[in-house]
Amino acid sequence: MLHDSTQTVELVLDQAVWDAESVQAHPLRNTATVALSHGAMVRFLAYTGQMPRILSIPAAD
């Protein structure tokens, strides 16, 4: 998201992830993990100019 200046990547999030108090993600490589509050995630996405498409994805059986 950070390096996608042409916004060719679409971020799709499950409603439960979007509604969570915090999320954890790998920052450009999987050797570290960052935890972001919902507010921090919204601010980061606004900084990148991206907003996710929110879907209700059913749980797997």
N, C-alpha and C. Protein backbone atom coordinates (compact mmCIF):
# COMPACT_ATOMS: atom_id res chain seq x y z
N MET A 1 0.82 -1.18 0.00
CA MET A 1 0.00 0.00 0.00
C MET A 1 0.87 1.25 0.00
N LEU A 2 1.94 1.21 0.76
CA LEU A 2 2.77 2.40 0.92
C LEU A 2 3.47 2.78 -0.39
N HIS A 3 3.88 1.79 -1.17
CA HIS A 3 4.63 2.06 -2.40
C HIS A 3 3.76 1.98 -3.65
N ASP A 4 2.46 1.88 -3.50
CA ASP A 4 1.53 1.77 -4.63
C ASP A 4 1.01 3.15 -5.00
N SER A 5 1.88 3.97 -5.56
CA SER A 5 1.52 5.37 -5.85
C SER A 5 0.44 5.48 -6.93
N THR A 6 0.30 4.47 -7.77
CA THR A 6 -0.73 4.50 -8.82
C THR A 6 -2.03 3.84 -8.36
N GLN A 7 -2.05 3.37 -7.15
CA GLN A 7 -3.21 2.72 -6.54
C GLN A 7 -3.76 1.59 -7.41
N THR A 8 -2.87 0.70 -7.83
CA THR A 8 -3.28 -0.46 -8.61
C THR A 8 -3.65 -1.64 -7.73
N VAL A 9 -3.28 -1.59 -6.46
CA VAL A 9 -3.62 -2.64 -5.51
C VAL A 9 -4.86 -2.21 -4.75
N GLU A 10 -5.83 -3.12 -4.68
CA GLU A 10 -7.04 -2.82 -3.90
C GLU A 10 -6.99 -3.60 -2.60
N LEU A 11 -7.14 -2.92 -1.50
CA LEU A 11 -7.17 -3.56 -0.19
C LEU A 11 -8.60 -3.97 0.12
N VAL A 12 -8.79 -5.26 0.39
CA VAL A 12 -10.11 -5.78 0.76
C VAL A 12 -9.99 -6.35 2.16
N LEU A 13 -10.85 -5.90 3.06
CA LEU A 13 -10.83 -6.37 4.45
C LEU A 13 -12.17 -6.95 4.83
N ASP A 14 -12.12 -7.98 5.65
CA ASP A 14 -13.34 -8.52 6.24
C ASP A 14 -13.90 -7.52 7.24
N GLN A 15 -15.21 -7.45 7.35
CA GLN A 15 -15.86 -6.52 8.27
C GLN A 15 -15.34 -6.72 9.70
N ALA A 16 -15.12 -7.97 10.11
CA ALA A 16 -14.65 -8.23 11.47
C ALA A 16 -13.25 -7.66 11.70
N VAL A 17 -12.40 -7.71 10.69
CA VAL A 17 -11.06 -7.12 10.80
C VAL A 17 -11.18 -5.61 10.88
N TRP A 18 -12.00 -5.01 10.04
CA TRP A 18 -12.19 -3.56 10.04
C TRP A 18 -12.73 -3.08 11.38
N ASP A 19 -13.61 -3.86 12.00
CA ASP A 19 -14.24 -3.47 13.26
C ASP A 19 -13.37 -3.75 14.48
N ALA A 20 -12.27 -4.47 14.31
CA ALA A 20 -11.42 -4.85 15.45
C ALA A 20 -10.77 -3.61 16.08
N GLU A 21 -10.52 -3.70 17.38
CA GLU A 21 -9.85 -2.59 18.08
C GLU A 21 -8.43 -2.40 17.58
N SER A 22 -7.78 -3.50 17.19
CA SER A 22 -6.43 -3.41 16.63
C SER A 22 -6.21 -4.56 15.66
N VAL A 23 -5.24 -4.38 14.78
CA VAL A 23 -4.84 -5.42 13.83
C VAL A 23 -3.33 -5.55 13.87
N GLN A 24 -2.85 -6.72 13.46
CA GLN A 24 -1.41 -6.94 13.37
C GLN A 24 -1.07 -7.21 11.91
N ALA A 25 0.06 -6.67 11.47
CA ALA A 25 0.47 -6.81 10.07
C ALA A 25 1.99 -6.87 9.99
N HIS A 26 2.47 -7.41 8.88
CA HIS A 26 3.91 -7.44 8.60
C HIS A 26 4.27 -6.20 7.79
N PRO A 27 5.22 -5.40 8.26
CA PRO A 27 5.61 -4.18 7.54
C PRO A 27 6.65 -4.45 6.44
N LEU A 28 6.18 -4.80 5.26
CA LEU A 28 7.01 -5.02 4.07
C LEU A 28 7.81 -6.31 4.08
N ARG A 29 7.94 -6.98 5.20
CA ARG A 29 8.58 -8.30 5.27
C ARG A 29 8.04 -9.03 6.48
N ASN A 30 8.13 -10.35 6.45
CA ASN A 30 7.50 -11.12 7.51
C ASN A 30 8.42 -11.45 8.68
N THR A 31 9.46 -10.67 8.87
CA THR A 31 10.36 -10.89 10.01
C THR A 31 10.00 -10.01 11.20
N ALA A 32 8.97 -9.19 11.04
CA ALA A 32 8.52 -8.32 12.12
C ALA A 32 7.01 -8.16 12.00
N THR A 33 6.38 -7.81 13.10
CA THR A 33 4.94 -7.59 13.13
C THR A 33 4.67 -6.29 13.86
N VAL A 34 3.75 -5.49 13.34
CA VAL A 34 3.33 -4.27 14.02
C VAL A 34 1.86 -4.41 14.37
N ALA A 35 1.49 -3.84 15.50
CA ALA A 35 0.09 -3.80 15.91
C ALA A 35 -0.39 -2.37 15.75
N LEU A 36 -1.52 -2.20 15.08
CA LEU A 36 -2.09 -0.88 14.85
C LEU A 36 -3.49 -0.82 15.45
N SER A 37 -3.77 0.25 16.15
CA SER A 37 -5.15 0.47 16.59
C SER A 37 -5.99 0.77 15.35
N HIS A 38 -7.30 0.67 15.49
CA HIS A 38 -8.17 0.98 14.36
C HIS A 38 -7.92 2.41 13.87
N GLY A 39 -7.79 3.34 14.81
CA GLY A 39 -7.54 4.73 14.43
C GLY A 39 -6.23 4.91 13.70
N ALA A 40 -5.18 4.21 14.15
CA ALA A 40 -3.88 4.29 13.47
C ALA A 40 -3.96 3.70 12.07
N MET A 41 -4.73 2.62 11.92
CA MET A 41 -4.89 2.01 10.60
C MET A 41 -5.61 2.98 9.66
N VAL A 42 -6.65 3.64 10.14
CA VAL A 42 -7.38 4.61 9.32
C VAL A 42 -6.46 5.76 8.92
N ARG A 43 -5.66 6.26 9.86
CA ARG A 43 -4.73 7.36 9.55
C ARG A 43 -3.68 6.92 8.53
N PHE A 44 -3.15 5.70 8.68
CA PHE A 44 -2.17 5.18 7.73
C PHE A 44 -2.78 5.08 6.33
N LEU A 45 -3.98 4.52 6.25
CA LEU A 45 -4.63 4.38 4.95
C LEU A 45 -4.91 5.74 4.33
N ALA A 46 -5.32 6.70 5.13
CA ALA A 46 -5.55 8.06 4.62
C ALA A 46 -4.24 8.65 4.10
N TYR A 47 -3.14 8.39 4.80
CA TYR A 47 -1.83 8.88 4.37
C TYR A 47 -1.46 8.31 3.00
N THR A 48 -1.78 7.03 2.77
CA THR A 48 -1.45 6.40 1.50
C THR A 48 -2.47 6.74 0.41
N GLY A 49 -3.58 7.36 0.78
CA GLY A 49 -4.62 7.67 -0.19
C GLY A 49 -5.50 6.49 -0.53
N GLN A 50 -5.40 5.43 0.25
CA GLN A 50 -6.16 4.21 0.01
C GLN A 50 -7.23 4.04 1.08
N MET A 51 -8.38 3.55 0.69
CA MET A 51 -9.38 3.12 1.66
C MET A 51 -9.83 1.74 1.22
N PRO A 52 -10.00 0.84 2.17
CA PRO A 52 -10.31 -0.54 1.81
C PRO A 52 -11.76 -0.73 1.39
N ARG A 53 -11.97 -1.78 0.63
CA ARG A 53 -13.33 -2.26 0.39
C ARG A 53 -13.63 -3.22 1.54
N ILE A 54 -14.73 -3.00 2.23
CA ILE A 54 -15.09 -3.81 3.39
C ILE A 54 -16.15 -4.82 2.95
N LEU A 55 -15.87 -6.10 3.18
CA LEU A 55 -16.80 -7.17 2.84
C LEU A 55 -17.08 -8.02 4.07
N SER A 56 -18.25 -8.61 4.13
CA SER A 56 -18.54 -9.60 5.16
C SER A 56 -18.22 -10.96 4.56
N ILE A 57 -17.09 -11.50 4.96
CA ILE A 57 -16.62 -12.78 4.42
C ILE A 57 -17.04 -13.88 5.40
N PRO A 58 -17.84 -14.84 4.95
CA PRO A 58 -18.30 -15.89 5.87
C PRO A 58 -17.14 -16.76 6.34
N ALA A 59 -17.26 -17.24 7.57
CA ALA A 59 -16.25 -18.14 8.12
C ALA A 59 -16.27 -19.46 7.37
N ALA A 60 -15.11 -20.09 7.25
CA ALA A 60 -15.02 -21.39 6.60
C ALA A 60 -15.65 -22.45 7.49
N ASP A 61 -16.25 -23.44 6.87
CA ASP A 61 -16.86 -24.54 7.64
C ASP A 61 -15.81 -25.51 8.10
